[in-house]
Amino acid sequence: MEVFLDEENLQNLEVFEALLNKDKNQIINEALKFYFMEEAQKIEEKNNSQTNLSFNEFWDDVEL
C-alpha cells in the first residue's frame, strides 16, 4: 500500500511527532480512528434524520 501526503500534512506530522513524542504510525492511526468515528457519526445522523417531523407529528394522524 502506498500513501501520499501533501507537504503541509507531512510537515505537521513531523512537528507533532516531536511535540507528542509519538512515532508517525501512531499519530496516523490515532488520526484515522478519529476520522472514521466522526464520519460514522455523520452517516448515522444522516440516516436517523430521514424526516424533519417529531415522533408525535409523525404518528399524529395514524389510527390503529
PDB file of N, CA and C in Angstrom:
ATOM      1  N   MET A   1       0.849  -1.172   0.000  1.00  0.00           N
ATOM      2  CA  MET A   1       0.000   0.000   0.000  1.00  0.00           C
ATOM      3  C   MET A   1       0.895   1.235   0.000  1.00  0.00           C
ATOM      4  N   GLU A   2       0.571   2.160  -0.872  1.00  0.00           N
ATOM      5  CA  GLU A   2       1.293   3.423  -0.907  1.00  0.00           C
ATOM      6  C   GLU A   2       0.363   4.542  -0.491  1.00  0.00           C
ATOM      7  N   VAL A   3       0.859   5.408   0.371  1.00  0.00           N
ATOM      8  CA  VAL A   3       0.095   6.557   0.829  1.00  0.00           C
ATOM      9  C   VAL A   3       0.934   7.793   0.544  1.00  0.00           C
ATOM     10  N   PHE A   4       0.302   8.783  -0.033  1.00  0.00           N
ATOM     11  CA  PHE A   4       0.999  10.016  -0.345  1.00  0.00           C
ATOM     12  C   PHE A   4       0.399  11.148   0.472  1.00  0.00           C
ATOM     13  N   LEU A   5       1.251  11.874   1.177  1.00  0.00           N
ATOM     14  CA  LEU A   5       0.809  13.009   1.983  1.00  0.00           C
ATOM     15  C   LEU A   5       1.244  14.291   1.303  1.00  0.00           C
ATOM     16  N   ASP A   6       0.374  15.305   1.360  1.00  0.00           N
ATOM     17  CA  ASP A   6       0.806  16.583   0.813  1.00  0.00           C
ATOM     18  C   ASP A   6       1.845  17.195   1.756  1.00  0.00           C
ATOM     19  N   GLU A   7       2.514  18.214   1.274  1.00  0.00           N
ATOM     20  CA  GLU A   7       3.636  18.799   2.014  1.00  0.00           C
ATOM     21  C   GLU A   7       3.221  19.321   3.389  1.00  0.00           C
ATOM     22  N   GLU A   8       2.052  19.953   3.458  1.00  0.00           N
ATOM     23  CA  GLU A   8       1.574  20.505   4.728  1.00  0.00           C
ATOM     24  C   GLU A   8       1.351  19.395   5.758  1.00  0.00           C
ATOM     25  N   ASN A   9       0.692  18.313   5.356  1.00  0.00           N
ATOM     26  CA  ASN A   9       0.455  17.202   6.283  1.00  0.00           C
ATOM     27  C   ASN A   9       1.758  16.538   6.698  1.00  0.00           C
ATOM     28  N   LEU A  10       2.675  16.419   5.785  1.00  0.00           N
ATOM     29  CA  LEU A  10       3.968  15.822   6.104  1.00  0.00           C
ATOM     30  C   LEU A  10       4.721  16.667   7.122  1.00  0.00           C
ATOM     31  N   GLN A  11       4.713  17.982   6.922  1.00  0.00           N
ATOM     32  CA  GLN A  11       5.378  18.878   7.874  1.00  0.00           C
ATOM     33  C   GLN A  11       4.708  18.815   9.245  1.00  0.00           C
ATOM     34  N   ASN A  12       3.372  18.841   9.258  1.00  0.00           N
ATOM     35  CA  ASN A  12       2.653  18.748  10.531  1.00  0.00           C
ATOM     36  C   ASN A  12       2.946  17.431  11.234  1.00  0.00           C
ATOM     37  N   LEU A  13       3.025  16.370  10.474  1.00  0.00           N
ATOM     38  CA  LEU A  13       3.323  15.061  11.049  1.00  0.00           C
ATOM     39  C   LEU A  13       4.681  15.070  11.732  1.00  0.00           C
ATOM     40  N   GLU A  14       5.648  15.660  11.099  1.00  0.00           N
ATOM     41  CA  GLU A  14       6.993  15.724  11.677  1.00  0.00           C
ATOM     42  C   GLU A  14       7.028  16.609  12.924  1.00  0.00           C
ATOM     43  N   VAL A  15       6.299  17.724  12.889  1.00  0.00           N
ATOM     44  CA  VAL A  15       6.258  18.618  14.051  1.00  0.00           C
ATOM     45  C   VAL A  15       5.598  17.925  15.230  1.00  0.00           C
ATOM     46  N   PHE A  16       4.437  17.306  14.990  1.00  0.00           N
ATOM     47  CA  PHE A  16       3.711  16.667  16.093  1.00  0.00           C
ATOM     48  C   PHE A  16       4.392  15.394  16.568  1.00  0.00           C
ATOM     49  N   GLU A  17       5.145  14.766  15.721  1.00  0.00           N
ATOM     50  CA  GLU A  17       5.930  13.605  16.145  1.00  0.00           C
ATOM     51  C   GLU A  17       6.896  14.029  17.255  1.00  0.00           C
ATOM     52  N   ALA A  18       7.534  15.178  17.085  1.00  0.00           N
ATOM     53  CA  ALA A  18       8.466  15.685  18.088  1.00  0.00           C
ATOM     54  C   ALA A  18       7.720  16.218  19.315  1.00  0.00           C
ATOM     55  N   LEU A  19       6.635  16.975  19.087  1.00  0.00           N
ATOM     56  CA  LEU A  19       5.894  17.569  20.209  1.00  0.00           C
ATOM     57  C   LEU A  19       5.255  16.523  21.113  1.00  0.00           C
ATOM     58  N   LEU A  20       4.684  15.499  20.510  1.00  0.00           N
ATOM     59  CA  LEU A  20       3.947  14.490  21.273  1.00  0.00           C
ATOM     60  C   LEU A  20       4.795  13.294  21.665  1.00  0.00           C
ATOM     61  N   ASN A  21       6.007  13.246  21.159  1.00  0.00           N
ATOM     62  CA  ASN A  21       6.906  12.118  21.406  1.00  0.00           C
ATOM     63  C   ASN A  21       6.242  10.797  20.999  1.00  0.00           C
ATOM     64  N   LYS A  22       5.616  10.820  19.814  1.00  0.00           N
ATOM     65  CA  LYS A  22       4.981   9.634  19.245  1.00  0.00           C
ATOM     66  C   LYS A  22       5.568   9.411  17.870  1.00  0.00           C
ATOM     67  N   ASP A  23       5.558   8.159  17.409  1.00  0.00           N
ATOM     68  CA  ASP A  23       6.041   7.932  16.050  1.00  0.00           C
ATOM     69  C   ASP A  23       4.936   8.222  15.040  1.00  0.00           C
ATOM     70  N   LYS A  24       5.333   8.382  13.790  1.00  0.00           N
ATOM     71  CA  LYS A  24       4.396   8.767  12.737  1.00  0.00           C
ATOM     72  C   LYS A  24       3.246   7.772  12.601  1.00  0.00           C
ATOM     73  N   ASN A  25       3.531   6.489  12.703  1.00  0.00           N
ATOM     74  CA  ASN A  25       2.481   5.474  12.568  1.00  0.00           C
ATOM     75  C   ASN A  25       1.419   5.623  13.647  1.00  0.00           C
ATOM     76  N   GLN A  26       1.853   5.892  14.857  1.00  0.00           N
ATOM     77  CA  GLN A  26       0.903   6.049  15.959  1.00  0.00           C
ATOM     78  C   GLN A  26       0.009   7.273  15.728  1.00  0.00           C
ATOM     79  N   ILE A  27       0.592   8.375  15.286  1.00  0.00           N
ATOM     80  CA  ILE A  27      -0.175   9.590  15.022  1.00  0.00           C
ATOM     81  C   ILE A  27      -1.181   9.355  13.902  1.00  0.00           C
ATOM     82  N   ILE A  28      -0.737   8.712  12.836  1.00  0.00           N
ATOM     83  CA  ILE A  28      -1.619   8.456  11.702  1.00  0.00           C
ATOM     84  C   ILE A  28      -2.760   7.531  12.111  1.00  0.00           C
ATOM     85  N   ASN A  29      -2.460   6.471  12.860  1.00  0.00           N
ATOM     86  CA  ASN A  29      -3.513   5.545  13.303  1.00  0.00           C
ATOM     87  C   ASN A  29      -4.518   6.234  14.209  1.00  0.00           C
ATOM     88  N   GLU A  30      -4.052   7.069  15.133  1.00  0.00           N
ATOM     89  CA  GLU A  30      -4.968   7.802  16.003  1.00  0.00           C
ATOM     90  C   GLU A  30      -5.829   8.766  15.202  1.00  0.00           C
ATOM     91  N   ALA A  31      -5.231   9.440  14.232  1.00  0.00           N
ATOM     92  CA  ALA A  31      -5.977  10.389  13.406  1.00  0.00           C
ATOM     93  C   ALA A  31      -7.030   9.662  12.572  1.00  0.00           C
ATOM     94  N   LEU A  32      -6.687   8.511  12.030  1.00  0.00           N
ATOM     95  CA  LEU A  32      -7.651   7.754  11.232  1.00  0.00           C
ATOM     96  C   LEU A  32      -8.790   7.219  12.086  1.00  0.00           C
ATOM     97  N   LYS A  33      -8.501   6.755  13.295  1.00  0.00           N
ATOM     98  CA  LYS A  33      -9.567   6.302  14.189  1.00  0.00           C
ATOM     99  C   LYS A  33     -10.553   7.435  14.454  1.00  0.00           C
ATOM    100  N   PHE A  34     -10.006   8.620  14.738  1.00  0.00           N
ATOM    101  CA  PHE A  34     -10.853   9.781  14.995  1.00  0.00           C
ATOM    102  C   PHE A  34     -11.672  10.123  13.755  1.00  0.00           C
ATOM    103  N   TYR A  35     -11.039  10.127  12.588  1.00  0.00           N
ATOM    104  CA  TYR A  35     -11.725  10.437  11.336  1.00  0.00           C
ATOM    105  C   TYR A  35     -12.869   9.461  11.084  1.00  0.00           C
ATOM    106  N   PHE A  36     -12.618   8.167  11.242  1.00  0.00           N
ATOM    107  CA  PHE A  36     -13.641   7.163  10.975  1.00  0.00           C
ATOM    108  C   PHE A  36     -14.794   7.259  11.968  1.00  0.00           C
ATOM    109  N   MET A  37     -14.500   7.574  13.229  1.00  0.00           N
ATOM    110  CA  MET A  37     -15.565   7.759  14.217  1.00  0.00           C
ATOM    111  C   MET A  37     -16.442   8.947  13.841  1.00  0.00           C
ATOM    112  N   GLU A  38     -15.818  10.058  13.442  1.00  0.00           N
ATOM    113  CA  GLU A  38     -16.564  11.245  13.045  1.00  0.00           C
ATOM    114  C   GLU A  38     -17.439  10.973  11.822  1.00  0.00           C
ATOM    115  N   GLU A  39     -16.894  10.312  10.825  1.00  0.00           N
ATOM    116  CA  GLU A  39     -17.649  10.020   9.612  1.00  0.00           C
ATOM    117  C   GLU A  39     -18.792   9.046   9.890  1.00  0.00           C
ATOM    118  N   ALA A  40     -18.555   8.053  10.737  1.00  0.00           N
ATOM    119  CA  ALA A  40     -19.619   7.109  11.095  1.00  0.00           C
ATOM    120  C   ALA A  40     -20.750   7.837  11.816  1.00  0.00           C
ATOM    121  N   GLN A  41     -20.392   8.789  12.678  1.00  0.00           N
ATOM    122  CA  GLN A  41     -21.411   9.566  13.385  1.00  0.00           C
ATOM    123  C   GLN A  41     -22.221  10.410  12.404  1.00  0.00           C
ATOM    124  N   LYS A  42     -21.551  11.032  11.430  1.00  0.00           N
ATOM    125  CA  LYS A  42     -22.264  11.822  10.421  1.00  0.00           C
ATOM    126  C   LYS A  42     -23.228  10.946   9.622  1.00  0.00           C
ATOM    127  N   ILE A  43     -22.780   9.756   9.249  1.00  0.00           N
ATOM    128  CA  ILE A  43     -23.632   8.833   8.491  1.00  0.00           C
ATOM    129  C   ILE A  43     -24.832   8.424   9.329  1.00  0.00           C
ATOM    130  N   GLU A  44     -24.592   8.119  10.598  1.00  0.00           N
ATOM    131  CA  GLU A  44     -25.687   7.714  11.485  1.00  0.00           C
ATOM    132  C   GLU A  44     -26.696   8.843  11.661  1.00  0.00           C
ATOM    133  N   GLU A  45     -26.203  10.068  11.840  1.00  0.00           N
ATOM    134  CA  GLU A  45     -27.110  11.209  11.982  1.00  0.00           C
ATOM    135  C   GLU A  45     -27.911  11.424  10.711  1.00  0.00           C
ATOM    136  N   LYS A  46     -27.275  11.250   9.565  1.00  0.00           N
ATOM    137  CA  LYS A  46     -27.975  11.414   8.294  1.00  0.00           C
ATOM    138  C   LYS A  46     -29.048  10.348   8.134  1.00  0.00           C
ATOM    139  N   ASN A  47     -28.736   9.108   8.498  1.00  0.00           N
ATOM    140  CA  ASN A  47     -29.702   8.018   8.390  1.00  0.00           C
ATOM    141  C   ASN A  47     -30.857   8.182   9.361  1.00  0.00           C
ATOM    142  N   ASN A  48     -30.591   8.797  10.507  1.00  0.00           N
ATOM    143  CA  ASN A  48     -31.636   8.991  11.508  1.00  0.00           C
ATOM    144  C   ASN A  48     -32.479  10.229  11.245  1.00  0.00           C
ATOM    145  N   SER A  49     -32.076  11.037  10.296  1.00  0.00           N
ATOM    146  CA  SER A  49     -32.813  12.277  10.046  1.00  0.00           C
ATOM    147  C   SER A  49     -33.516  12.226   8.694  1.00  0.00           C
ATOM    148  N   GLN A  50     -34.156  11.122   8.417  1.00  0.00           N
ATOM    149  CA  GLN A  50     -34.867  10.980   7.158  1.00  0.00           C
ATOM    150  C   GLN A  50     -36.147  11.804   7.133  1.00  0.00           C
ATOM    151  N   THR A  51     -36.577  12.249   8.280  1.00  0.00           N
ATOM    152  CA  THR A  51     -37.760  13.103   8.355  1.00  0.00           C
ATOM    153  C   THR A  51     -37.464  14.259   9.302  1.00  0.00           C
ATOM    154  N   ASN A  52     -38.112  15.377   9.077  1.00  0.00           N
ATOM    155  CA  ASN A  52     -37.928  16.502   9.986  1.00  0.00           C
ATOM    156  C   ASN A  52     -39.091  16.623  10.964  1.00  0.00           C
ATOM    157  N   LEU A  53     -39.938  15.609  10.994  1.00  0.00           N
ATOM    158  CA  LEU A  53     -41.075  15.596  11.914  1.00  0.00           C
ATOM    159  C   LEU A  53     -40.677  14.971  13.241  1.00  0.00           C
ATOM    160  N   SER A  54     -41.277  15.468  14.310  1.00  0.00           N
ATOM    161  CA  SER A  54     -41.054  14.843  15.610  1.00  0.00           C
ATOM    162  C   SER A  54     -41.832  13.526  15.664  1.00  0.00           C
ATOM    163  N   PHE A  55     -41.604  12.752  16.677  1.00  0.00           N
ATOM    164  CA  PHE A  55     -42.295  11.475  16.855  1.00  0.00           C
ATOM    165  C   PHE A  55     -43.809  11.686  16.864  1.00  0.00           C
ATOM    166  N   ASN A  56     -44.267  12.643  17.657  1.00  0.00           N
ATOM    167  CA  ASN A  56     -45.712  12.897  17.762  1.00  0.00           C
ATOM    168  C   ASN A  56     -46.293  13.431  16.463  1.00  0.00           C
ATOM    169  N   GLU A  57     -45.578  14.308  15.778  1.00  0.00           N
ATOM    170  CA  GLU A  57     -46.070  14.823  14.498  1.00  0.00           C
ATOM    171  C   GLU A  57     -46.199  13.708  13.467  1.00  0.00           C
ATOM    172  N   PHE A  58     -45.226  12.805  13.468  1.00  0.00           N
ATOM    173  CA  PHE A  58     -45.226  11.713  12.502  1.00  0.00           C
ATOM    174  C   PHE A  58     -46.414  10.776  12.717  1.00  0.00           C
ATOM    175  N   TRP A  59     -46.705  10.442  13.977  1.00  0.00           N
ATOM    176  CA  TRP A  59     -47.748   9.459  14.301  1.00  0.00           C
ATOM    177  C   TRP A  59     -49.101  10.092  14.609  1.00  0.00           C
ATOM    178  N   ASP A  60     -49.231  11.407  14.541  1.00  0.00           N
ATOM    179  CA  ASP A  60     -50.424  12.121  14.957  1.00  0.00           C
ATOM    180  C   ASP A  60     -51.695  11.628  14.278  1.00  0.00           C
ATOM    181  N   ASP A  61     -51.690  11.449  12.980  1.00  0.00           N
ATOM    182  CA  ASP A  61     -52.899  11.072  12.244  1.00  0.00           C
ATOM    183  C   ASP A  61     -53.061   9.575  12.025  1.00  0.00           C
ATOM    184  N   VAL A  62     -52.211   8.799  12.625  1.00  0.00           N
ATOM    185  CA  VAL A  62     -52.292   7.353  12.429  1.00  0.00           C
ATOM    186  C   VAL A  62     -53.254   6.760  13.461  1.00  0.00           C
ATOM    187  N   GLU A  63     -54.223   6.001  12.963  1.00  0.00           N
ATOM    188  CA  GLU A  63     -55.154   5.338  13.865  1.00  0.00           C
ATOM    189  C   GLU A  63     -54.954   3.833  13.760  1.00  0.00           C
ATOM    190  N   LEU A  64     -54.838   3.205  14.897  1.00  0.00           N
ATOM    191  CA  LEU A  64     -54.642   1.754  14.932  1.00  0.00           C
ATOM    192  C   LEU A  64     -55.867   1.040  15.419  1.00  0.00           C
TER     193      LEU A  64
END
